[in-house]
Amino acid sequence: MKAGLLRLGDVFAARTADVVLVQREAMIYGPPIIEGLLTLSGLPMVLDLDDATYVPYTSPTYGSLGKALKWFSKTDDLIRWAKVVTCGNRAIAEYVSSKGTTARILPTVVDTEIFRPLPKGRESNKLVIGWVGTHSTFPYLESIFPVLQELARDHQFQLKIVGAGKKEISVMGVDIENLEWSLDREVMDFQSFDIGLYPIVTKLYADEWATGKSGFKAIQYMAVGIPYVATPVGAIAEIGEIGTTHFCASTNDEWRDALNMLMSDRGMREMMGAAGRCHAIKHFGLEIQADRLAAALREAATGGNYSKS
């Protein structure tokens, strides 16, 4: 209730604006009342979508009730009301365009001055394989537990899990550090990894939802200078350079082989990590994407052409 009243205050405060930017949705649950009021006021709206929020799925945590409260159909309304939609990847842009709304691809970015490698590298001799996620994406990580159990027979390493929402996690033979996610500790957690994990299992949710992921975690891994292994789904398959910044894996055998190579070769890890850092700065830094966001906002406000100048 309090959040709703605050949002109504935002509608009132926006009267003097030239354009309003809505990131995903004004309210997490329920119909798009706030955005509807903004549209009725005649204020041009830019909608920012970094995930395929138009795809309904049933959360393993909140079930059918959560699905009903999310009101997935509202994303189509928001797309229709927006003058411009900034899209985290090509798959989302194609969906937006199919609805007749202007789509501009604007990948999720990272502040490379904050997400950066440790100045002197990691001092610990213990190899750390890491994953950062949420309770809803933890099943993705669980899907490669058999691979990690197999690798533990030949390699000594620690599996660092951040944000799983589980009090106890165990994998036979694997040393696990299980932490809650913390904004204050986020950068340090990424910096503590030697290898990043980014598994995706499309069948756990809707295939279209999984392929609409914008791959932010891959960008974070590259920004702090660590190599990673990822499932090549949606935008994740298009981020970085396979074999240079990271490896891709779709089967357990591919996951085992890719991780085994990285775990066995420190020089490879350092080389790929450095390449990833350069790639993140060149393609996903704040400055280059800030110009594109400004262009999209001008386009919506003036009805003019999209121009970064």
C-alpha atoms as a PDB file:
ATOM      1  CA  MET A   1       0.000   0.000   0.000  1.00  0.00           C
ATOM      2  CA  LYS A   2       2.765   2.421   0.955  1.00  0.00           C
ATOM      3  CA  ALA A   3       4.670   1.640  -2.240  1.00  0.00           C
ATOM      4  CA  GLY A   4       1.538   2.290  -4.286  1.00  0.00           C
ATOM      5  CA  LEU A   5       1.009   5.683  -2.654  1.00  0.00           C
ATOM      6  CA  LEU A   6       4.631   6.594  -3.322  1.00  0.00           C
ATOM      7  CA  ARG A   7       4.181   5.658  -6.979  1.00  0.00           C
ATOM      8  CA  LEU A   8       1.092   7.869  -7.198  1.00  0.00           C
ATOM      9  CA  GLY A   9       3.284  10.651  -5.895  1.00  0.00           C
ATOM     10  CA  ASP A  10       5.720   9.919  -8.711  1.00  0.00           C
ATOM     11  CA  VAL A  11       2.913  10.347 -11.254  1.00  0.00           C
ATOM     12  CA  PHE A  12       2.122  13.764  -9.807  1.00  0.00           C
ATOM     13  CA  ALA A  13       5.808  14.775  -9.735  1.00  0.00           C
ATOM     14  CA  ALA A  14       6.288  13.709 -13.370  1.00  0.00           C
ATOM     15  CA  ARG A  15       3.890  16.380 -14.666  1.00  0.00           C
ATOM     16  CA  THR A  16       6.751  18.754 -15.471  1.00  0.00           C
ATOM     17  CA  ALA A  17       8.966  16.139 -17.127  1.00  0.00           C
ATOM     18  CA  ASP A  18       9.545  15.817 -20.859  1.00  0.00           C
ATOM     19  CA  VAL A  19       9.693  12.025 -20.799  1.00  0.00           C
ATOM     20  CA  VAL A  20       9.411   9.255 -18.200  1.00  0.00           C
ATOM     21  CA  LEU A  21      11.560   6.115 -18.026  1.00  0.00           C
ATOM     22  CA  VAL A  22       9.970   2.947 -16.601  1.00  0.00           C
ATOM     23  CA  GLN A  23      12.385   0.156 -15.762  1.00  0.00           C
ATOM     24  CA  ARG A  24      10.450  -3.091 -16.358  1.00  0.00           C
ATOM     25  CA  GLU A  25       7.367  -2.033 -14.379  1.00  0.00           C
ATOM     26  CA  ALA A  26       6.297   0.569 -11.846  1.00  0.00           C
ATOM     27  CA  MET A  27       4.931  -2.056  -9.435  1.00  0.00           C
ATOM     28  CA  ILE A  28       6.103  -5.648  -9.068  1.00  0.00           C
ATOM     29  CA  TYR A  29       2.584  -7.053  -8.718  1.00  0.00           C
ATOM     30  CA  GLY A  30      -0.802  -6.225 -10.179  1.00  0.00           C
ATOM     31  CA  PRO A  31      -2.047  -4.379 -13.268  1.00  0.00           C
ATOM     32  CA  PRO A  32      -0.194  -1.404 -14.798  1.00  0.00           C
ATOM     33  CA  ILE A  33      -2.226   1.315 -13.067  1.00  0.00           C
ATOM     34  CA  ILE A  34       0.670   3.739 -12.554  1.00  0.00           C
ATOM     35  CA  GLU A  35       1.874   3.457 -16.136  1.00  0.00           C
ATOM     36  CA  GLY A  36      -1.719   3.835 -17.353  1.00  0.00           C
ATOM     37  CA  LEU A  37      -2.075   7.107 -15.455  1.00  0.00           C
ATOM     38  CA  LEU A  38       1.184   8.352 -16.963  1.00  0.00           C
ATOM     39  CA  THR A  39      -0.056   7.462 -20.437  1.00  0.00           C
ATOM     40  CA  LEU A  40      -3.377   9.238 -19.876  1.00  0.00           C
ATOM     41  CA  SER A  41      -1.438  12.347 -18.846  1.00  0.00           C
ATOM     42  CA  GLY A  42       0.110  12.434 -22.325  1.00  0.00           C
ATOM     43  CA  LEU A  43       3.655  12.067 -21.027  1.00  0.00           C
ATOM     44  CA  PRO A  44       5.919  10.127 -23.435  1.00  0.00           C
ATOM     45  CA  MET A  45       7.179   6.893 -21.897  1.00  0.00           C
ATOM     46  CA  VAL A  46      10.339   4.897 -22.499  1.00  0.00           C
ATOM     47  CA  LEU A  47      10.132   1.323 -21.251  1.00  0.00           C
ATOM     48  CA  ASP A  48      13.333  -0.504 -20.364  1.00  0.00           C
ATOM     49  CA  LEU A  49      13.227  -4.306 -20.586  1.00  0.00           C
ATOM     50  CA  ASP A  50      16.287  -6.323 -19.606  1.00  0.00           C
ATOM     51  CA  ASP A  51      14.351  -9.603 -19.293  1.00  0.00           C
ATOM     52  CA  ALA A  52      11.501 -11.251 -21.174  1.00  0.00           C
ATOM     53  CA  THR A  53       8.911 -10.163 -18.605  1.00  0.00           C
ATOM     54  CA  TYR A  54       6.153 -10.772 -21.157  1.00  0.00           C
ATOM     55  CA  VAL A  55       6.649 -14.540 -20.849  1.00  0.00           C
ATOM     56  CA  PRO A  56       4.524 -16.088 -18.065  1.00  0.00           C
ATOM     57  CA  TYR A  57       6.139 -18.715 -15.897  1.00  0.00           C
ATOM     58  CA  THR A  58       5.387 -20.419 -12.600  1.00  0.00           C
ATOM     59  CA  SER A  59       7.907 -19.669  -9.872  1.00  0.00           C
ATOM     60  CA  PRO A  60       9.106 -22.770  -7.993  1.00  0.00           C
ATOM     61  CA  THR A  61       8.897 -20.667  -4.823  1.00  0.00           C
ATOM     62  CA  TYR A  62       5.611 -18.777  -5.140  1.00  0.00           C
ATOM     63  CA  GLY A  63       3.702 -21.110  -7.484  1.00  0.00           C
ATOM     64  CA  SER A  64       0.438 -20.274  -9.232  1.00  0.00           C
ATOM     65  CA  LEU A  65      -0.449 -17.478  -6.811  1.00  0.00           C
ATOM     66  CA  GLY A  66       2.745 -15.637  -7.663  1.00  0.00           C
ATOM     67  CA  LYS A  67       2.040 -16.154 -11.363  1.00  0.00           C
ATOM     68  CA  ALA A  68      -1.414 -14.599 -11.015  1.00  0.00           C
ATOM     69  CA  LEU A  69      -0.174 -11.638  -8.984  1.00  0.00           C
ATOM     70  CA  LYS A  70       2.629 -10.874 -11.435  1.00  0.00           C
ATOM     71  CA  TRP A  71       0.023 -10.012 -14.093  1.00  0.00           C
ATOM     72  CA  PHE A  72       2.324 -10.999 -16.969  1.00  0.00           C
ATOM     73  CA  SER A  73      -0.019  -9.580 -19.612  1.00  0.00           C
ATOM     74  CA  LYS A  74       0.752  -6.049 -18.459  1.00  0.00           C
ATOM     75  CA  THR A  75       4.087  -6.043 -20.287  1.00  0.00           C
ATOM     76  CA  ASP A  76       2.272  -6.096 -23.625  1.00  0.00           C
ATOM     77  CA  ASP A  77       0.258  -3.070 -22.459  1.00  0.00           C
ATOM     78  CA  LEU A  78       3.434  -1.249 -21.463  1.00  0.00           C
ATOM     79  CA  ILE A  79       5.052  -2.017 -24.814  1.00  0.00           C
ATOM     80  CA  ARG A  80       1.987  -0.668 -26.602  1.00  0.00           C
ATOM     81  CA  TRP A  81       1.913   2.529 -24.518  1.00  0.00           C
ATOM     82  CA  ALA A  82       5.640   3.246 -24.813  1.00  0.00           C
ATOM     83  CA  LYS A  83       7.069   5.521 -27.475  1.00  0.00           C
ATOM     84  CA  VAL A  84      10.362   3.623 -27.351  1.00  0.00           C
ATOM     85  CA  VAL A  85      11.413   0.390 -25.629  1.00  0.00           C
ATOM     86  CA  THR A  86      15.068  -0.064 -24.764  1.00  0.00           C
ATOM     87  CA  CYS A  87      15.808  -3.797 -24.940  1.00  0.00           C
ATOM     88  CA  GLY A  88      18.544  -5.725 -23.189  1.00  0.00           C
ATOM     89  CA  ASN A  89      19.075  -8.046 -26.141  1.00  0.00           C
ATOM     90  CA  ARG A  90      18.028  -8.919 -29.673  1.00  0.00           C
ATOM     91  CA  ALA A  91      15.351 -11.449 -28.656  1.00  0.00           C
ATOM     92  CA  ILE A  92      13.464  -8.839 -26.633  1.00  0.00           C
ATOM     93  CA  ALA A  93      13.869  -6.262 -29.412  1.00  0.00           C
ATOM     94  CA  GLU A  94      12.343  -8.649 -31.949  1.00  0.00           C
ATOM     95  CA  TYR A  95       9.345  -9.237 -29.679  1.00  0.00           C
ATOM     96  CA  VAL A  96       8.840  -5.500 -29.116  1.00  0.00           C
ATOM     97  CA  SER A  97       9.077  -4.785 -32.847  1.00  0.00           C
ATOM     98  CA  SER A  98       6.454  -7.462 -33.533  1.00  0.00           C
ATOM     99  CA  LYS A  99       4.065  -5.373 -31.410  1.00  0.00           C
ATOM    100  CA  GLY A 100       4.647  -2.323 -33.591  1.00  0.00           C
ATOM    101  CA  THR A 101       6.670  -0.322 -31.059  1.00  0.00           C
ATOM    102  CA  THR A 102      10.103   1.169 -31.681  1.00  0.00           C
ATOM    103  CA  ALA A 103      12.806  -1.033 -30.135  1.00  0.00           C
ATOM    104  CA  ARG A 104      16.370   0.054 -29.354  1.00  0.00           C
ATOM    105  CA  ILE A 105      18.907  -2.480 -28.117  1.00  0.00           C
ATOM    106  CA  LEU A 106      20.615  -1.208 -24.987  1.00  0.00           C
ATOM    107  CA  PRO A 107      22.540  -3.962 -23.205  1.00  0.00           C
ATOM    108  CA  THR A 108      22.812  -4.042 -19.452  1.00  0.00           C
ATOM    109  CA  VAL A 109      26.000  -2.262 -18.435  1.00  0.00           C
ATOM    110  CA  VAL A 110      28.395  -2.327 -15.529  1.00  0.00           C
ATOM    111  CA  ASP A 111      30.509   0.412 -13.968  1.00  0.00           C
ATOM    112  CA  THR A 112      33.966  -0.867 -14.884  1.00  0.00           C
ATOM    113  CA  GLU A 113      35.543   1.539 -12.393  1.00  0.00           C
ATOM    114  CA  ILE A 114      33.760  -0.322  -9.599  1.00  0.00           C
ATOM    115  CA  PHE A 115      33.648  -3.829 -11.087  1.00  0.00           C
ATOM    116  CA  ARG A 116      37.349  -4.244 -11.738  1.00  0.00           C
ATOM    117  CA  PRO A 117      40.039  -6.861 -11.064  1.00  0.00           C
ATOM    118  CA  LEU A 118      41.869  -6.878  -7.763  1.00  0.00           C
ATOM    119  CA  PRO A 119      44.979  -4.642  -8.120  1.00  0.00           C
ATOM    120  CA  LYS A 120      47.387  -7.438  -7.218  1.00  0.00           C
ATOM    121  CA  GLY A 121      45.274 -10.402  -8.202  1.00  0.00           C
ATOM    122  CA  ARG A 122      43.986 -13.036  -5.813  1.00  0.00           C
ATOM    123  CA  GLU A 123      46.453 -13.999  -3.092  1.00  0.00           C
ATOM    124  CA  SER A 124      44.854 -17.278  -2.018  1.00  0.00           C
ATOM    125  CA  ASN A 125      46.224 -20.513  -3.481  1.00  0.00           C
ATOM    126  CA  LYS A 126      42.813 -22.154  -3.190  1.00  0.00           C
ATOM    127  CA  LEU A 127      40.990 -22.345  -6.513  1.00  0.00           C
ATOM    128  CA  VAL A 128      37.536 -20.781  -6.213  1.00  0.00           C
ATOM    129  CA  ILE A 129      34.729 -21.499  -8.662  1.00  0.00           C
ATOM    130  CA  GLY A 130      31.877 -19.080  -8.104  1.00  0.00           C
ATOM    131  CA  TRP A 131      28.235 -18.429  -8.852  1.00  0.00           C
ATOM    132  CA  VAL A 132      26.029 -15.442  -7.982  1.00  0.00           C
ATOM    133  CA  GLY A 133      22.277 -15.683  -8.408  1.00  0.00           C
ATOM    134  CA  THR A 134      18.926 -15.887  -6.648  1.00  0.00           C
ATOM    135  CA  HIS A 135      16.659 -18.535  -5.172  1.00  0.00           C
ATOM    136  CA  SER A 136      14.827 -18.743  -8.508  1.00  0.00           C
ATOM    137  CA  THR A 137      17.985 -19.355 -10.552  1.00  0.00           C
ATOM    138  CA  PHE A 138      19.645 -21.718  -8.063  1.00  0.00           C
ATOM    139  CA  PRO A 139      18.132 -24.771  -9.862  1.00  0.00           C
ATOM    140  CA  TYR A 140      20.331 -23.798 -12.827  1.00  0.00           C
ATOM    141  CA  LEU A 141      23.410 -24.239 -10.665  1.00  0.00           C
ATOM    142  CA  GLU A 142      22.095 -27.494  -9.231  1.00  0.00           C
ATOM    143  CA  SER A 143      21.932 -28.882 -12.772  1.00  0.00           C
ATOM    144  CA  ILE A 144      25.753 -29.012 -12.936  1.00  0.00           C
ATOM    145  CA  PHE A 145      26.326 -30.391  -9.429  1.00  0.00           C
ATOM    146  CA  PRO A 146      27.105 -33.857 -10.895  1.00  0.00           C
ATOM    147  CA  VAL A 147      29.842 -32.238 -13.017  1.00  0.00           C
ATOM    148  CA  LEU A 148      31.352 -30.464 -10.012  1.00  0.00           C
ATOM    149  CA  GLN A 149      31.235 -33.684  -7.996  1.00  0.00           C
ATOM    150  CA  GLU A 150      33.132 -35.462 -10.766  1.00  0.00           C
ATOM    151  CA  LEU A 151      35.728 -32.687 -11.027  1.00  0.00           C
ATOM    152  CA  ALA A 152      36.330 -32.821  -7.269  1.00  0.00           C
ATOM    153  CA  ARG A 153      37.903 -36.248  -7.723  1.00  0.00           C
ATOM    154  CA  ASP A 154      40.822 -34.724  -9.607  1.00  0.00           C
ATOM    155  CA  HIS A 155      40.891 -31.065  -8.481  1.00  0.00           C
ATOM    156  CA  GLN A 156      40.933 -29.300  -5.162  1.00  0.00           C
ATOM    157  CA  PHE A 157      38.646 -26.291  -5.274  1.00  0.00           C
ATOM    158  CA  GLN A 158      36.037 -24.383  -3.364  1.00  0.00           C
ATOM    159  CA  LEU A 159      32.570 -23.758  -4.758  1.00  0.00           C
ATOM    160  CA  LYS A 160      31.420 -20.307  -3.629  1.00  0.00           C
ATOM    161  CA  ILE A 161      27.654 -19.833  -3.898  1.00  0.00           C
ATOM    162  CA  VAL A 162      26.112 -16.403  -3.385  1.00  0.00           C
ATOM    163  CA  GLY A 163      22.396 -15.692  -3.215  1.00  0.00           C
ATOM    164  CA  ALA A 164      20.921 -19.192  -3.465  1.00  0.00           C
ATOM    165  CA  GLY A 165      18.502 -18.611  -0.607  1.00  0.00           C
ATOM    166  CA  LYS A 166      19.336 -22.007   0.890  1.00  0.00           C
ATOM    167  CA  LYS A 167      20.615 -22.520   4.421  1.00  0.00           C
ATOM    168  CA  GLU A 168      22.399 -25.763   3.595  1.00  0.00           C
ATOM    169  CA  ILE A 169      23.890 -26.883   0.279  1.00  0.00           C
ATOM    170  CA  SER A 170      25.994 -29.991  -0.166  1.00  0.00           C
ATOM    171  CA  VAL A 171      27.730 -31.683  -3.074  1.00  0.00           C
ATOM    172  CA  MET A 172      29.649 -34.839  -2.277  1.00  0.00           C
ATOM    173  CA  GLY A 173      33.387 -34.176  -2.195  1.00  0.00           C
ATOM    174  CA  VAL A 174      33.056 -30.431  -2.827  1.00  0.00           C
ATOM    175  CA  ASP A 175      34.063 -27.731  -0.341  1.00  0.00           C
ATOM    176  CA  ILE A 176      31.206 -25.187  -0.413  1.00  0.00           C
ATOM    177  CA  GLU A 177      30.970 -21.642   0.900  1.00  0.00           C
ATOM    178  CA  ASN A 178      27.310 -20.605   0.921  1.00  0.00           C
ATOM    179  CA  LEU A 179      26.616 -16.890   1.377  1.00  0.00           C
ATOM    180  CA  GLU A 180      23.611 -14.615   1.279  1.00  0.00           C
ATOM    181  CA  TRP A 181      23.744 -11.931  -1.393  1.00  0.00           C
ATOM    182  CA  SER A 182      24.902  -8.525  -0.144  1.00  0.00           C
ATOM    183  CA  LEU A 183      25.148  -5.317  -2.144  1.00  0.00           C
ATOM    184  CA  ASP A 184      28.008  -4.098   0.043  1.00  0.00           C
ATOM    185  CA  ARG A 185      29.951  -7.289  -0.674  1.00  0.00           C
ATOM    186  CA  GLU A 186      28.891  -7.854  -4.291  1.00  0.00           C
ATOM    187  CA  VAL A 187      32.044  -6.643  -6.044  1.00  0.00           C
ATOM    188  CA  MET A 188      34.309  -8.457  -3.578  1.00  0.00           C
ATOM    189  CA  ASP A 189      32.385 -11.684  -4.147  1.00  0.00           C
ATOM    190  CA  PHE A 190      32.948 -11.503  -7.899  1.00  0.00           C
ATOM    191  CA  GLN A 191      36.613 -10.593  -7.372  1.00  0.00           C
ATOM    192  CA  SER A 192      37.094 -13.638  -5.143  1.00  0.00           C
ATOM    193  CA  PHE A 193      36.394 -16.084  -7.976  1.00  0.00           C
ATOM    194  CA  ASP A 194      38.935 -17.737 -10.261  1.00  0.00           C
ATOM    195  CA  ILE A 195      36.234 -19.079 -12.583  1.00  0.00           C
ATOM    196  CA  GLY A 196      32.632 -17.972 -12.962  1.00  0.00           C
ATOM    197  CA  LEU A 197      29.644 -20.248 -13.582  1.00  0.00           C
ATOM    198  CA  TYR A 198      26.646 -19.271 -15.709  1.00  0.00           C
ATOM    199  CA  PRO A 199      24.436 -22.337 -16.341  1.00  0.00           C
ATOM    200  CA  ILE A 200      20.930 -21.932 -17.774  1.00  0.00           C
ATOM    201  CA  VAL A 201      18.337 -24.699 -18.072  1.00  0.00           C
ATOM    202  CA  THR A 202      15.569 -23.604 -20.423  1.00  0.00           C
ATOM    203  CA  LYS A 203      13.165 -26.422 -19.516  1.00  0.00           C
ATOM    204  CA  LEU A 204      12.934 -25.266 -15.878  1.00  0.00           C
ATOM    205  CA  TYR A 205      10.907 -22.232 -16.886  1.00  0.00           C
ATOM    206  CA  ALA A 206       9.666 -21.156 -20.322  1.00  0.00           C
ATOM    207  CA  ASP A 207      12.212 -21.450 -23.133  1.00  0.00           C
ATOM    208  CA  GLU A 208      11.341 -17.957 -24.322  1.00  0.00           C
ATOM    209  CA  TRP A 209      11.884 -16.542 -20.824  1.00  0.00           C
ATOM    210  CA  ALA A 210      15.328 -18.114 -20.554  1.00  0.00           C
ATOM    211  CA  THR A 211      16.385 -16.963 -24.034  1.00  0.00           C
ATOM    212  CA  GLY A 212      15.299 -13.442 -23.109  1.00  0.00           C
ATOM    213  CA  LYS A 213      17.924 -13.195 -20.352  1.00  0.00           C
ATOM    214  CA  SER A 214      20.347 -10.335 -20.994  1.00  0.00           C
ATOM    215  CA  GLY A 215      23.483 -11.976 -19.656  1.00  0.00           C
ATOM    216  CA  PHE A 216      24.420  -9.397 -17.015  1.00  0.00           C
ATOM    217  CA  LYS A 217      26.339 -11.941 -14.955  1.00  0.00           C
ATOM    218  CA  ALA A 218      28.655 -12.624 -17.894  1.00  0.00           C
ATOM    219  CA  ILE A 219      29.392  -8.909 -18.118  1.00  0.00           C
ATOM    220  CA  GLN A 220      30.147  -8.771 -14.399  1.00  0.00           C
ATOM    221  CA  TYR A 221      32.512 -11.741 -14.669  1.00  0.00           C
ATOM    222  CA  MET A 222      34.391 -10.096 -17.534  1.00  0.00           C
ATOM    223  CA  ALA A 223      34.530  -6.716 -15.803  1.00  0.00           C
ATOM    224  CA  VAL A 224      36.382  -8.167 -12.791  1.00  0.00           C
ATOM    225  CA  GLY A 225      38.732 -10.066 -15.089  1.00  0.00           C
ATOM    226  CA  ILE A 226      37.739 -13.698 -14.593  1.00  0.00           C
ATOM    227  CA  PRO A 227      36.917 -16.328 -17.232  1.00  0.00           C
ATOM    228  CA  TYR A 228      33.598 -18.100 -17.071  1.00  0.00           C
ATOM    229  CA  VAL A 229      31.680 -21.019 -18.515  1.00  0.00           C
ATOM    230  CA  ALA A 230      28.124 -20.368 -19.704  1.00  0.00           C
ATOM    231  CA  THR A 231      25.205 -22.079 -21.367  1.00  0.00           C
ATOM    232  CA  PRO A 232      24.885 -20.437 -24.813  1.00  0.00           C
ATOM    233  CA  VAL A 233      21.267 -19.273 -24.553  1.00  0.00           C
ATOM    234  CA  GLY A 234      19.873 -16.011 -25.926  1.00  0.00           C
ATOM    235  CA  ALA A 235      22.064 -12.969 -25.370  1.00  0.00           C
ATOM    236  CA  ILE A 236      24.494 -15.041 -23.304  1.00  0.00           C
ATOM    237  CA  ALA A 237      25.580 -16.731 -26.539  1.00  0.00           C
ATOM    238  CA  GLU A 238      26.335 -13.329 -28.074  1.00  0.00           C
ATOM    239  CA  ILE A 239      28.305 -11.750 -25.209  1.00  0.00           C
ATOM    240  CA  GLY A 240      32.085 -11.976 -25.186  1.00  0.00           C
ATOM    241  CA  GLU A 241      34.232 -14.084 -27.504  1.00  0.00           C
ATOM    242  CA  ILE A 242      34.031 -17.849 -27.117  1.00  0.00           C
ATOM    243  CA  GLY A 243      37.455 -19.350 -26.478  1.00  0.00           C
ATOM    244  CA  THR A 244      38.911 -15.913 -25.754  1.00  0.00           C
ATOM    245  CA  THR A 245      36.886 -14.528 -22.854  1.00  0.00           C
ATOM    246  CA  HIS A 246      34.964 -17.671 -21.868  1.00  0.00           C
ATOM    247  CA  PHE A 247      33.811 -21.146 -22.847  1.00  0.00           C
ATOM    248  CA  CYS A 248      30.301 -22.319 -23.650  1.00  0.00           C
ATOM    249  CA  ALA A 249      28.803 -25.623 -22.517  1.00  0.00           C
ATOM    250  CA  SER A 250      25.426 -27.228 -23.146  1.00  0.00           C
ATOM    251  CA  THR A 251      25.962 -30.787 -21.903  1.00  0.00           C
ATOM    252  CA  ASN A 252      27.551 -32.218 -18.771  1.00  0.00           C
ATOM    253  CA  ASP A 253      30.497 -33.457 -20.817  1.00  0.00           C
ATOM    254  CA  GLU A 254      31.056 -29.958 -22.237  1.00  0.00           C
ATOM    255  CA  TRP A 255      30.825 -28.430 -18.770  1.00  0.00           C
ATOM    256  CA  ARG A 256      33.332 -30.936 -17.418  1.00  0.00           C
ATOM    257  CA  ASP A 257      35.813 -30.399 -20.261  1.00  0.00           C
ATOM    258  CA  ALA A 258      35.597 -26.595 -20.157  1.00  0.00           C
ATOM    259  CA  LEU A 259      35.993 -26.380 -16.400  1.00  0.00           C
ATOM    260  CA  ASN A 260      38.772 -28.965 -16.411  1.00  0.00           C
ATOM    261  CA  MET A 261      40.771 -26.866 -18.898  1.00  0.00           C
ATOM    262  CA  LEU A 262      40.402 -23.706 -16.840  1.00  0.00           C
ATOM    263  CA  MET A 263      41.068 -25.419 -13.530  1.00  0.00           C
ATOM    264  CA  SER A 264      44.223 -27.032 -14.891  1.00  0.00           C
ATOM    265  CA  ASP A 265      45.761 -23.941 -16.491  1.00  0.00           C
ATOM    266  CA  ARG A 266      46.311 -20.759 -14.478  1.00  0.00           C
ATOM    267  CA  GLY A 267      47.879 -19.026 -17.455  1.00  0.00           C
ATOM    268  CA  MET A 268      44.758 -19.657 -19.514  1.00  0.00           C
ATOM    269  CA  ARG A 269      42.586 -18.243 -16.734  1.00  0.00           C
ATOM    270  CA  GLU A 270      44.678 -15.087 -16.525  1.00  0.00           C
ATOM    271  CA  MET A 271      44.769 -14.603 -20.303  1.00  0.00           C
ATOM    272  CA  MET A 272      41.030 -15.099 -20.727  1.00  0.00           C
ATOM    273  CA  GLY A 273      40.282 -12.922 -17.718  1.00  0.00           C
ATOM    274  CA  ALA A 274      42.345 -10.063 -19.159  1.00  0.00           C
ATOM    275  CA  ALA A 275      40.602 -10.436 -22.525  1.00  0.00           C
ATOM    276  CA  GLY A 276      37.228 -10.345 -20.800  1.00  0.00           C
ATOM    277  CA  ARG A 277      38.149  -7.178 -18.916  1.00  0.00           C
ATOM    278  CA  CYS A 278      39.075  -5.434 -22.173  1.00  0.00           C
ATOM    279  CA  HIS A 279      35.859  -6.648 -23.812  1.00  0.00           C
ATOM    280  CA  ALA A 280      33.706  -5.339 -20.943  1.00  0.00           C
ATOM    281  CA  ILE A 281      35.329  -1.900 -21.064  1.00  0.00           C
ATOM    282  CA  LYS A 282      34.959  -1.645 -24.851  1.00  0.00           C
ATOM    283  CA  HIS A 283      31.377  -2.865 -25.173  1.00  0.00           C
ATOM    284  CA  PHE A 284      29.619  -2.576 -21.814  1.00  0.00           C
ATOM    285  CA  GLY A 285      31.044   0.512 -20.101  1.00  0.00           C
ATOM    286  CA  LEU A 286      28.726   3.221 -18.815  1.00  0.00           C
ATOM    287  CA  GLU A 287      29.773   6.024 -21.131  1.00  0.00           C
ATOM    288  CA  ILE A 288      29.064   4.360 -24.476  1.00  0.00           C
ATOM    289  CA  GLN A 289      25.670   3.052 -23.392  1.00  0.00           C
ATOM    290  CA  ALA A 290      24.724   6.306 -21.615  1.00  0.00           C
ATOM    291  CA  ASP A 291      24.827   8.067 -24.991  1.00  0.00           C
ATOM    292  CA  ARG A 292      22.478   5.458 -26.437  1.00  0.00           C
ATOM    293  CA  LEU A 293      20.038   5.817 -23.542  1.00  0.00           C
ATOM    294  CA  ALA A 294      20.057   9.597 -23.923  1.00  0.00           C
ATOM    295  CA  ALA A 295      19.315   9.191 -27.635  1.00  0.00           C
ATOM    296  CA  ALA A 296      16.340   6.930 -26.909  1.00  0.00           C
ATOM    297  CA  LEU A 297      14.961   9.400 -24.358  1.00  0.00           C
ATOM    298  CA  ARG A 298      15.296  12.280 -26.841  1.00  0.00           C
ATOM    299  CA  GLU A 299      13.613  10.205 -29.523  1.00  0.00           C
ATOM    300  CA  ALA A 300      10.608   9.514 -27.284  1.00  0.00           C
ATOM    301  CA  ALA A 301      10.372  13.079 -26.007  1.00  0.00           C
ATOM    302  CA  THR A 302      10.581  14.777 -29.388  1.00  0.00           C
ATOM    303  CA  GLY A 303       9.278  12.134 -31.753  1.00  0.00           C
ATOM    304  CA  GLY A 304      12.496  12.592 -33.719  1.00  0.00           C
ATOM    305  CA  ASN A 305      15.043  10.165 -35.084  1.00  0.00           C
ATOM    306  CA  TYR A 306      17.335   8.031 -32.955  1.00  0.00           C
ATOM    307  CA  SER A 307      20.757   9.710 -32.937  1.00  0.00           C
ATOM    308  CA  LYS A 308      23.632   9.335 -30.496  1.00  0.00           C
ATOM    309  CA  SER A 309      25.045  12.742 -31.451  1.00  0.00           C
END
